[in-house]
N, C-alpha and C. Protein backbone atom coordinates (compact mmCIF):
# COMPACT_ATOMS: atom_id res chain seq x y z
N MET A 1 -65.07 126.63 103.24
CA MET A 1 -63.87 126.53 103.61
C MET A 1 -63.22 127.77 103.92
N ASN A 2 -62.32 127.86 104.95
CA ASN A 2 -61.73 129.15 105.39
C ASN A 2 -60.42 129.44 104.77
N LEU A 3 -60.24 130.65 104.87
CA LEU A 3 -58.91 131.23 104.15
C LEU A 3 -57.42 130.20 104.13
N PRO A 4 -57.08 129.99 105.56
CA PRO A 4 -56.10 129.02 105.57
C PRO A 4 -56.21 127.73 104.75
N ASN A 5 -57.29 127.15 104.65
CA ASN A 5 -57.73 125.96 104.12
C ASN A 5 -57.48 126.25 102.48
N LYS A 6 -58.11 127.44 102.10
CA LYS A 6 -57.92 127.88 100.61
C LYS A 6 -56.54 127.91 100.27
N LEU A 7 -55.69 128.57 101.12
CA LEU A 7 -54.29 128.75 100.85
C LEU A 7 -53.52 127.38 100.63
N THR A 8 -53.89 126.40 101.45
CA THR A 8 -53.23 125.18 101.47
C THR A 8 -53.65 124.33 100.13
N VAL A 9 -55.03 124.52 99.85
CA VAL A 9 -55.52 123.85 98.42
C VAL A 9 -54.77 124.64 97.34
N PHE A 10 -54.88 125.78 97.43
CA PHE A 10 -54.08 126.69 96.30
C PHE A 10 -52.47 126.37 96.18
N ARG A 11 -51.82 125.85 97.33
CA ARG A 11 -50.64 125.42 97.29
C ARG A 11 -50.55 124.05 96.43
N VAL A 12 -51.46 123.18 96.70
CA VAL A 12 -51.39 121.86 96.05
C VAL A 12 -51.68 122.07 94.54
N ILE A 13 -52.60 123.10 94.22
CA ILE A 13 -52.88 123.15 92.80
C ILE A 13 -51.76 123.87 92.09
N LEU A 14 -50.82 124.59 92.80
CA LEU A 14 -49.72 125.07 92.23
C LEU A 14 -48.51 124.18 91.49
N ILE A 15 -48.56 122.92 92.38
CA ILE A 15 -47.48 121.92 92.13
C ILE A 15 -47.29 121.81 90.92
N PRO A 16 -48.48 121.22 90.11
CA PRO A 16 -48.33 120.64 88.58
C PRO A 16 -47.86 121.96 88.01
N PHE A 17 -48.21 122.99 87.92
CA PHE A 17 -47.73 124.11 87.22
C PHE A 17 -46.15 124.27 87.52
N PHE A 18 -45.86 124.22 88.88
CA PHE A 18 -44.40 124.29 89.02
C PHE A 18 -43.53 123.42 88.44
N VAL A 19 -43.95 122.10 88.37
CA VAL A 19 -43.32 121.13 87.94
C VAL A 19 -43.25 121.30 86.44
N PHE A 20 -44.22 121.62 85.65
CA PHE A 20 -44.36 121.73 84.40
C PHE A 20 -43.39 122.71 83.92
N PHE A 21 -43.24 123.97 84.56
CA PHE A 21 -42.48 125.10 84.07
C PHE A 21 -41.08 124.62 84.39
N LEU A 22 -40.72 123.83 85.49
CA LEU A 22 -39.39 123.61 85.84
C LEU A 22 -38.77 122.49 84.83
N LEU A 23 -39.64 121.49 84.33
CA LEU A 23 -39.00 120.53 83.63
C LEU A 23 -39.31 120.76 82.05
N ASN A 24 -40.07 121.60 81.66
CA ASN A 24 -40.40 121.82 80.21
C ASN A 24 -39.42 122.71 79.62
N SER A 25 -38.69 122.21 78.47
CA SER A 25 -37.63 122.96 77.92
C SER A 25 -38.06 123.86 76.90
N ALA A 26 -39.35 124.04 76.73
CA ALA A 26 -39.94 124.79 75.56
C ALA A 26 -39.75 126.12 75.86
N PHE A 27 -39.46 126.70 77.08
CA PHE A 27 -39.51 128.04 77.30
C PHE A 27 -38.17 128.71 77.32
N GLU A 28 -37.09 127.99 76.60
CA GLU A 28 -35.94 128.69 76.49
C GLU A 28 -35.22 129.24 77.51
N GLY A 29 -35.21 128.58 78.80
CA GLY A 29 -34.58 128.96 79.94
C GLY A 29 -35.19 129.69 80.86
N TYR A 30 -36.40 130.43 80.37
CA TYR A 30 -37.26 131.21 81.16
C TYR A 30 -38.26 130.21 82.22
N GLY A 31 -38.34 128.91 81.72
CA GLY A 31 -39.34 128.19 82.59
C GLY A 31 -39.00 128.24 84.06
N LYS A 32 -37.33 127.87 84.09
CA LYS A 32 -37.14 127.78 85.73
C LYS A 32 -37.40 129.08 86.44
N TYR A 33 -37.23 130.25 85.81
CA TYR A 33 -37.84 131.38 86.52
C TYR A 33 -39.18 131.57 86.76
N ILE A 34 -40.00 131.12 85.97
CA ILE A 34 -41.35 130.87 86.23
C ILE A 34 -41.72 129.96 87.41
N ALA A 35 -40.83 128.87 87.28
CA ALA A 35 -41.24 127.72 88.38
C ALA A 35 -40.68 128.52 89.70
N VAL A 36 -39.81 129.11 89.86
CA VAL A 36 -39.19 129.72 90.98
C VAL A 36 -40.14 130.80 91.56
N VAL A 37 -40.89 131.59 90.70
CA VAL A 37 -41.68 132.35 91.26
C VAL A 37 -42.98 131.69 91.79
N ILE A 38 -43.24 130.48 91.18
CA ILE A 38 -44.57 129.81 91.72
C ILE A 38 -44.26 129.11 92.98
N PHE A 39 -42.89 128.43 93.04
CA PHE A 39 -42.51 127.74 94.22
C PHE A 39 -42.46 128.84 95.38
N ILE A 40 -42.01 129.98 95.12
CA ILE A 40 -41.99 131.13 96.18
C ILE A 40 -43.36 131.38 96.64
N VAL A 41 -44.23 131.48 95.78
CA VAL A 41 -45.50 131.78 95.98
C VAL A 41 -46.19 130.75 96.88
N ALA A 42 -45.96 129.44 96.47
CA ALA A 42 -46.50 128.40 97.18
C ALA A 42 -45.96 128.27 98.58
N SER A 43 -44.68 128.40 98.51
CA SER A 43 -43.83 128.53 99.94
C SER A 43 -44.31 129.67 100.94
N LEU A 44 -44.77 130.81 100.36
CA LEU A 44 -45.18 131.80 101.03
C LEU A 44 -46.79 131.59 101.58
N THR A 45 -47.44 130.70 100.91
CA THR A 45 -48.79 130.25 101.51
C THR A 45 -48.56 129.36 102.59
N ASP A 46 -47.64 128.66 102.66
CA ASP A 46 -47.21 127.65 103.86
C ASP A 46 -47.23 128.47 105.05
N PHE A 47 -46.46 129.60 104.93
CA PHE A 47 -46.21 130.33 106.18
C PHE A 47 -47.36 131.03 106.40
N ALA A 48 -47.95 131.55 105.48
CA ALA A 48 -49.19 132.34 105.73
C ALA A 48 -50.52 131.63 106.35
N ASP A 49 -50.68 130.39 105.79
CA ASP A 49 -51.86 129.78 106.33
C ASP A 49 -51.88 129.43 107.62
N GLY A 50 -50.63 129.02 108.16
CA GLY A 50 -50.42 128.55 109.73
C GLY A 50 -50.76 129.83 110.55
N LYS A 51 -49.89 131.03 110.03
CA LYS A 51 -50.16 132.30 110.89
C LYS A 51 -51.70 132.62 110.94
N ILE A 52 -52.28 132.60 109.91
CA ILE A 52 -53.74 133.22 109.72
C ILE A 52 -54.56 132.25 110.64
N ALA A 53 -54.22 130.77 110.52
CA ALA A 53 -55.33 129.93 111.25
C ALA A 53 -54.96 130.16 112.71
N ARG A 54 -53.96 130.25 113.12
CA ARG A 54 -53.58 130.34 114.71
C ARG A 54 -54.11 131.82 115.12
N LYS A 55 -53.85 132.85 114.33
CA LYS A 55 -54.23 134.05 114.91
C LYS A 55 -55.74 134.57 114.87
N TYR A 56 -56.32 133.85 113.91
CA TYR A 56 -57.92 133.95 113.92
C TYR A 56 -58.76 132.81 114.46
N ASN A 57 -57.95 131.86 114.99
CA ASN A 57 -58.63 130.63 115.55
C ASN A 57 -59.40 129.73 114.44
N LEU A 58 -58.76 129.66 113.45
CA LEU A 58 -59.35 128.97 112.09
C LEU A 58 -58.76 127.76 112.04
N VAL A 59 -58.13 126.83 113.03
CA VAL A 59 -57.62 125.80 112.86
C VAL A 59 -58.67 124.61 112.69
N THR A 60 -58.34 123.73 111.76
CA THR A 60 -59.38 122.92 111.29
C THR A 60 -58.79 121.54 111.26
N ASN A 61 -59.56 120.40 111.35
CA ASN A 61 -58.95 119.07 111.11
C ASN A 61 -58.37 118.99 109.63
N PHE A 62 -59.12 119.60 108.77
CA PHE A 62 -58.73 119.51 107.27
C PHE A 62 -57.44 120.22 107.25
N GLY A 63 -57.15 121.31 107.79
CA GLY A 63 -56.00 122.11 107.73
C GLY A 63 -54.76 121.26 108.52
N LYS A 64 -55.16 120.75 109.77
CA LYS A 64 -54.00 119.83 110.56
C LYS A 64 -53.43 118.77 109.61
N PHE A 65 -54.49 118.00 108.73
CA PHE A 65 -54.10 117.16 107.75
C PHE A 65 -53.53 117.46 106.57
N MET A 66 -54.06 118.43 105.79
CA MET A 66 -53.66 118.81 104.51
C MET A 66 -52.51 119.80 104.52
N ASP A 67 -52.35 120.64 105.49
CA ASP A 67 -51.29 121.49 105.52
C ASP A 67 -49.83 120.95 105.30
N PRO A 68 -49.58 120.02 106.46
CA PRO A 68 -48.27 119.26 106.20
C PRO A 68 -48.10 118.24 105.05
N LEU A 69 -49.27 117.93 104.56
CA LEU A 69 -49.31 117.00 103.46
C LEU A 69 -48.95 117.91 102.10
N ALA A 70 -49.54 119.11 101.99
CA ALA A 70 -49.12 119.99 101.01
C ALA A 70 -47.73 120.37 101.01
N ASP A 71 -47.11 120.73 102.22
CA ASP A 71 -45.70 121.15 102.15
C ASP A 71 -44.93 119.90 101.73
N LYS A 72 -45.16 118.76 102.20
CA LYS A 72 -44.42 117.56 101.78
C LYS A 72 -44.52 117.27 100.36
N LEU A 73 -45.66 117.47 99.63
CA LEU A 73 -45.81 117.38 98.17
C LEU A 73 -45.02 118.40 97.48
N LEU A 74 -45.25 119.68 97.83
CA LEU A 74 -44.36 120.72 97.30
C LEU A 74 -42.71 120.48 97.34
N VAL A 75 -42.36 120.45 98.56
CA VAL A 75 -40.82 120.08 98.73
C VAL A 75 -40.35 118.88 98.06
N CYS A 76 -41.14 117.77 98.13
CA CYS A 76 -40.67 116.54 97.68
C CYS A 76 -40.73 116.62 95.98
N SER A 77 -41.69 117.37 95.73
CA SER A 77 -41.89 117.33 93.88
C SER A 77 -40.65 118.28 93.42
N ALA A 78 -40.22 119.34 94.16
CA ALA A 78 -39.13 120.08 93.79
C ALA A 78 -37.89 119.32 94.00
N MET A 79 -37.78 118.58 95.02
CA MET A 79 -36.48 117.87 95.12
C MET A 79 -36.47 116.82 94.00
N ILE A 80 -37.52 116.06 93.61
CA ILE A 80 -37.40 115.01 92.62
C ILE A 80 -37.02 115.68 91.39
N CYS A 81 -37.69 116.78 91.20
CA CYS A 81 -37.48 117.57 89.79
C CYS A 81 -35.89 117.94 89.84
N LEU A 82 -35.48 118.37 90.90
CA LEU A 82 -34.00 118.63 91.10
C LEU A 82 -32.95 117.59 90.68
N ILE A 83 -33.56 116.30 90.85
CA ILE A 83 -32.70 115.04 90.45
C ILE A 83 -32.77 115.19 88.96
N GLU A 84 -33.88 115.11 88.43
CA GLU A 84 -34.31 115.12 86.93
C GLU A 84 -33.24 116.08 86.21
N THR A 85 -33.20 117.31 86.85
CA THR A 85 -32.33 118.35 86.23
C THR A 85 -30.80 118.34 86.60
N GLU A 86 -30.59 117.29 87.38
CA GLU A 86 -29.03 116.77 87.85
C GLU A 86 -28.52 117.97 88.78
N LYS A 87 -29.50 118.65 89.50
CA LYS A 87 -28.91 119.74 90.52
C LYS A 87 -28.99 119.14 91.99
N LEU A 88 -29.37 117.98 92.16
CA LEU A 88 -29.53 117.28 93.44
C LEU A 88 -29.20 115.96 93.26
N ALA A 89 -28.39 115.43 94.26
CA ALA A 89 -28.18 114.01 94.26
C ALA A 89 -29.31 113.16 94.77
N ALA A 90 -29.76 112.00 93.98
CA ALA A 90 -30.78 111.14 94.72
C ALA A 90 -30.67 110.83 96.03
N TRP A 91 -29.45 110.50 96.54
CA TRP A 91 -29.27 109.92 97.88
C TRP A 91 -29.81 110.97 98.89
N ILE A 92 -29.44 112.11 98.48
CA ILE A 92 -29.91 113.29 99.47
C ILE A 92 -31.50 113.30 99.52
N VAL A 93 -32.19 113.28 98.39
CA VAL A 93 -33.46 113.39 98.32
C VAL A 93 -34.03 112.15 99.13
N ILE A 94 -33.53 111.10 98.91
CA ILE A 94 -33.98 109.80 99.67
C ILE A 94 -33.77 110.07 101.04
N VAL A 95 -32.82 110.50 101.70
CA VAL A 95 -32.68 110.85 103.03
C VAL A 95 -33.76 111.85 103.61
N ILE A 96 -34.01 112.79 102.88
CA ILE A 96 -34.85 113.77 103.13
C ILE A 96 -36.28 113.23 103.16
N ILE A 97 -36.72 112.53 102.10
CA ILE A 97 -38.00 112.05 101.91
C ILE A 97 -38.35 110.93 102.86
N SER A 98 -37.07 110.20 103.37
CA SER A 98 -37.35 109.04 104.46
C SER A 98 -37.57 109.65 105.72
N ARG A 99 -36.99 110.83 105.96
CA ARG A 99 -37.35 111.42 107.52
C ARG A 99 -38.85 111.88 107.32
N GLU A 100 -39.21 112.32 106.27
CA GLU A 100 -40.78 112.73 106.21
C GLU A 100 -41.52 111.57 106.47
N PHE A 101 -41.28 110.55 105.86
CA PHE A 101 -42.06 109.11 106.03
C PHE A 101 -42.10 108.60 107.52
N ILE A 102 -40.73 108.82 107.94
CA ILE A 102 -40.66 108.25 109.56
C ILE A 102 -41.58 109.32 110.44
N ILE A 103 -41.42 110.59 110.12
CA ILE A 103 -42.17 111.49 111.05
C ILE A 103 -43.68 111.48 110.83
N SER A 104 -44.14 111.23 109.63
CA SER A 104 -45.54 110.96 109.47
C SER A 104 -46.02 109.61 110.19
N GLY A 105 -45.06 108.65 110.09
CA GLY A 105 -45.38 107.41 110.90
C GLY A 105 -45.71 107.54 112.34
N PHE A 106 -44.73 108.47 112.91
CA PHE A 106 -44.74 108.72 114.21
C PHE A 106 -45.99 109.46 114.77
N ARG A 107 -46.40 110.42 113.71
CA ARG A 107 -47.61 111.16 113.93
C ARG A 107 -48.78 110.37 113.92
N LEU A 108 -48.85 109.45 113.04
CA LEU A 108 -50.13 108.48 112.78
C LEU A 108 -50.24 107.67 114.09
N VAL A 109 -49.08 107.04 114.51
CA VAL A 109 -49.28 106.44 115.73
C VAL A 109 -49.48 107.21 116.79
N ALA A 110 -49.20 108.43 117.01
CA ALA A 110 -49.17 109.15 118.03
C ALA A 110 -50.96 109.62 117.96
N SER A 111 -51.44 109.87 116.89
CA SER A 111 -52.75 110.22 116.77
C SER A 111 -53.63 109.02 117.14
N ASP A 112 -53.25 107.72 116.91
CA ASP A 112 -54.13 106.81 117.27
C ASP A 112 -54.22 106.52 118.80
N ASN A 113 -53.18 107.09 119.42
CA ASN A 113 -53.28 107.17 120.96
C ASN A 113 -53.56 108.35 121.37
N GLY A 114 -54.10 109.19 120.74
CA GLY A 114 -54.88 110.52 121.35
C GLY A 114 -53.66 111.56 121.60
N VAL A 115 -52.64 111.47 120.81
CA VAL A 115 -51.72 112.46 121.17
C VAL A 115 -51.11 113.23 120.06
N VAL A 116 -51.04 114.55 120.03
CA VAL A 116 -50.97 115.31 118.99
C VAL A 116 -49.30 115.77 119.15
N ILE A 117 -48.60 115.68 118.09
CA ILE A 117 -47.22 115.89 118.14
C ILE A 117 -46.99 117.09 117.27
N ALA A 118 -46.67 118.40 117.88
CA ALA A 118 -46.52 119.68 117.17
C ALA A 118 -45.17 119.66 116.55
N ALA A 119 -45.11 120.55 115.56
CA ALA A 119 -43.86 120.83 114.96
C ALA A 119 -42.95 121.52 115.89
N ASN A 120 -41.64 121.38 115.76
CA ASN A 120 -40.53 122.22 116.68
C ASN A 120 -39.84 122.92 115.81
N TYR A 121 -38.90 123.72 116.61
CA TYR A 121 -38.01 124.55 115.71
C TYR A 121 -37.02 123.93 114.91
N TRP A 122 -36.51 122.73 115.12
CA TRP A 122 -35.62 122.08 114.28
C TRP A 122 -36.35 121.60 113.01
N GLY A 123 -37.76 121.31 112.93
CA GLY A 123 -38.56 121.11 111.82
C GLY A 123 -38.70 122.53 111.01
N LYS A 124 -39.00 123.44 111.73
CA LYS A 124 -39.07 124.74 111.08
C LYS A 124 -37.85 125.19 110.36
N PHE A 125 -36.67 125.05 111.04
CA PHE A 125 -35.25 125.42 110.45
C PHE A 125 -35.19 124.48 109.26
N LYS A 126 -35.35 123.21 109.36
CA LYS A 126 -35.18 122.33 108.29
C LYS A 126 -35.94 122.79 106.93
N THR A 127 -37.21 123.13 107.15
CA THR A 127 -38.06 123.53 106.07
C THR A 127 -37.65 124.78 105.30
N THR A 128 -37.25 125.73 106.42
CA THR A 128 -36.82 126.91 105.74
C THR A 128 -35.57 126.87 104.84
N PHE A 129 -34.51 125.95 105.29
CA PHE A 129 -33.31 125.70 104.54
C PHE A 129 -33.52 124.89 103.54
N GLN A 130 -34.57 123.91 103.42
CA GLN A 130 -34.96 123.10 102.30
C GLN A 130 -35.44 124.00 101.21
N ILE A 131 -36.41 125.05 101.56
CA ILE A 131 -36.80 126.02 100.59
C ILE A 131 -35.78 126.80 99.92
N LEU A 132 -34.93 127.47 100.86
CA LEU A 132 -33.81 128.15 100.34
C LEU A 132 -32.88 127.58 99.44
N MET A 133 -32.67 126.20 99.66
CA MET A 133 -31.76 125.11 98.83
C MET A 133 -32.44 125.05 97.67
N ILE A 134 -33.70 124.77 97.51
CA ILE A 134 -34.46 124.51 96.40
C ILE A 134 -34.55 125.78 95.51
N ILE A 135 -34.66 126.97 95.99
CA ILE A 135 -34.60 128.14 95.23
C ILE A 135 -33.28 128.41 94.68
N VAL A 136 -32.32 128.24 95.42
CA VAL A 136 -30.92 128.52 94.78
C VAL A 136 -30.67 127.37 93.70
N LEU A 137 -30.78 126.21 94.04
CA LEU A 137 -30.53 125.23 92.99
C LEU A 137 -31.50 125.34 91.79
N MET A 138 -32.77 125.68 91.90
CA MET A 138 -33.46 126.04 90.61
C MET A 138 -32.90 127.08 89.72
N LEU A 139 -32.49 128.35 90.52
CA LEU A 139 -31.90 129.53 89.69
C LEU A 139 -30.93 129.02 88.87
N ASP A 140 -29.84 128.32 89.42
CA ASP A 140 -28.79 127.81 88.84
C ASP A 140 -28.02 128.69 88.06
N PHE A 141 -27.70 129.97 88.76
CA PHE A 141 -26.72 130.92 88.01
C PHE A 141 -25.47 130.24 87.79
N ASP A 142 -24.95 130.62 86.58
CA ASP A 142 -23.57 130.16 86.34
C ASP A 142 -22.42 130.91 86.77
N ASN A 143 -22.32 130.63 88.19
CA ASN A 143 -21.22 131.54 89.13
C ASN A 143 -20.62 130.69 90.11
N TYR A 144 -19.36 130.64 90.19
CA TYR A 144 -18.88 129.88 91.31
C TYR A 144 -19.45 130.13 92.63
N TYR A 145 -19.60 131.21 93.23
CA TYR A 145 -20.15 131.50 94.46
C TYR A 145 -21.36 131.12 94.72
N PHE A 146 -22.23 131.36 93.56
CA PHE A 146 -23.64 130.90 93.72
C PHE A 146 -23.80 129.28 93.80
N ASP A 147 -22.89 128.65 93.06
CA ASP A 147 -22.84 127.13 93.06
C ASP A 147 -22.46 126.67 94.44
N LEU A 148 -21.51 127.23 95.07
CA LEU A 148 -21.04 126.97 96.45
C LEU A 148 -22.26 127.09 97.49
N LEU A 149 -22.88 128.37 97.29
CA LEU A 149 -24.06 128.67 98.25
C LEU A 149 -25.14 127.54 98.09
N GLY A 150 -25.28 127.06 96.81
CA GLY A 150 -26.20 126.03 96.71
C GLY A 150 -25.92 124.84 97.56
N GLN A 151 -24.32 124.39 97.17
CA GLN A 151 -23.92 123.22 98.12
C GLN A 151 -23.91 123.49 99.56
N ILE A 152 -23.75 124.67 100.02
CA ILE A 152 -23.69 124.79 101.38
C ILE A 152 -25.10 124.67 102.06
N LEU A 153 -26.03 125.27 101.30
CA LEU A 153 -27.43 125.10 101.44
C LEU A 153 -27.98 123.81 101.62
N THR A 154 -27.56 123.05 100.71
CA THR A 154 -27.88 121.53 100.53
C THR A 154 -27.58 120.85 101.94
N TYR A 155 -26.16 120.86 102.00
CA TYR A 155 -25.60 120.12 103.28
C TYR A 155 -26.26 120.78 104.66
N ILE A 156 -26.52 122.00 104.87
CA ILE A 156 -27.31 122.38 105.91
C ILE A 156 -28.66 122.00 105.96
N ALA A 157 -29.42 121.85 104.86
CA ALA A 157 -30.67 121.41 104.88
C ALA A 157 -30.57 119.80 105.20
N LEU A 158 -29.65 119.16 104.61
CA LEU A 158 -29.57 117.68 105.18
C LEU A 158 -29.18 117.45 106.50
N THR A 159 -28.26 118.19 106.90
CA THR A 159 -27.90 118.09 108.40
C THR A 159 -29.19 118.41 109.34
N LEU A 160 -29.84 119.47 108.99
CA LEU A 160 -31.12 119.79 109.75
C LEU A 160 -32.21 118.72 109.58
N THR A 161 -32.26 118.13 108.57
CA THR A 161 -33.31 117.10 108.22
C THR A 161 -32.83 115.83 109.29
N VAL A 162 -31.49 115.54 109.35
CA VAL A 162 -31.16 114.46 110.22
C VAL A 162 -31.18 114.62 111.69
N VAL A 163 -30.77 116.01 112.01
CA VAL A 163 -30.93 116.45 113.31
C VAL A 163 -32.26 116.60 113.81
N SER A 164 -33.16 117.03 112.95
CA SER A 164 -34.76 117.27 113.38
C SER A 164 -35.30 115.84 113.69
N LEU A 165 -34.81 114.88 112.68
CA LEU A 165 -35.46 113.38 112.85
C LEU A 165 -34.79 112.94 114.28
N ILE A 166 -33.44 113.00 114.55
CA ILE A 166 -33.02 112.43 115.89
C ILE A 166 -33.66 112.98 116.90
N ASP A 167 -33.76 114.46 116.98
CA ASP A 167 -34.33 115.09 117.92
C ASP A 167 -36.09 114.73 118.11
N TYR A 168 -36.78 114.52 117.08
CA TYR A 168 -38.07 114.15 116.87
C TYR A 168 -38.23 112.69 117.49
N VAL A 169 -37.52 111.80 116.98
CA VAL A 169 -37.50 110.38 117.66
C VAL A 169 -37.20 110.50 119.15
N ILE A 170 -36.07 111.03 119.73
CA ILE A 170 -35.79 111.05 121.15
C ILE A 170 -37.06 111.65 121.91
N LYS A 171 -37.59 112.85 121.45
CA LYS A 171 -38.55 113.46 122.26
C LYS A 171 -39.94 112.66 122.24
N ASN A 172 -40.15 111.70 121.18
CA ASN A 172 -41.48 111.16 121.08
C ASN A 172 -41.24 109.68 120.90
N LYS A 173 -40.18 109.09 121.60
CA LYS A 173 -40.07 107.66 121.50
C LYS A 173 -41.03 106.94 122.40
N THR A 174 -41.56 107.59 123.21
CA THR A 174 -42.70 107.04 124.08
C THR A 174 -43.99 106.52 123.29
N VAL A 175 -44.09 107.33 122.13
CA VAL A 175 -45.23 106.97 121.20
C VAL A 175 -45.19 105.65 120.71
N LEU A 176 -43.96 105.04 120.57
CA LEU A 176 -43.90 103.78 119.97
C LEU A 176 -44.11 102.51 120.98
N LYS A 177 -44.13 102.87 122.40
CA LYS A 177 -44.26 101.88 123.26
C LYS A 177 -45.67 101.17 123.08
N GLU A 178 -45.79 100.00 123.38
CA GLU A 178 -46.97 99.27 123.43
C GLU A 178 -47.95 99.77 124.26
N GLN A 179 -49.16 100.11 123.79
CA GLN A 179 -50.24 100.55 124.69
C GLN A 179 -51.00 99.50 125.49
N LYS A 180 -51.35 99.61 126.65
CA LYS A 180 -52.14 98.53 127.34
C LYS A 180 -53.62 98.62 127.31
C-alpha cells in the first residue's frame, strides 16, 4: 500500500476517535479541542494524499474509490455530530449530504459508461468551506463575532454545495442519457 492510500486509511481510522472526543462530555470541555485537532489532522491528510499521489504518479484504483469516500465519511460524521451538539441545523446537513449522494450516483453511472468525472473547483471550494465551517462550529467560542463567522461560513458552505451540484449536473447531464 503506497503513502497516499495509507493517509486515506489513516483518515478513516481517525473518524471514530474524532466522534468520541467531540461527543463525550467526560473531558470537561477539552474533548472538543481534541476533536478539532483530530479533524484538522484528518483534513490535512485529505489535501496531502491527493497531492502526493499526483506528484509521484501513485494514483491507484483503491485511492480513486477510498479517498472521496473517506472525505465524505469525515465531513458527514462531523456535520451529524454538530446536529447532536445543536451547532448545525439538520436541514442544512440533509442538503449537504443529499448533494454527496447525487454526485456519487452521477459518478457511478459515468463509471459504468467508461467515463471518469473529475472534481472541479466548485467542489474544492465547497469542501474547503465545509471544513472551515466545521472547525469554527466545533470550537464554539462564546463570542458574538465568532458565532457570526460560524453562521457566515455555514451559509457560504451551503451555497457552494448547491452551486457545485448545479454546475456538476449541468456539465455532466449527458451521463444520464440512455446508452445505445
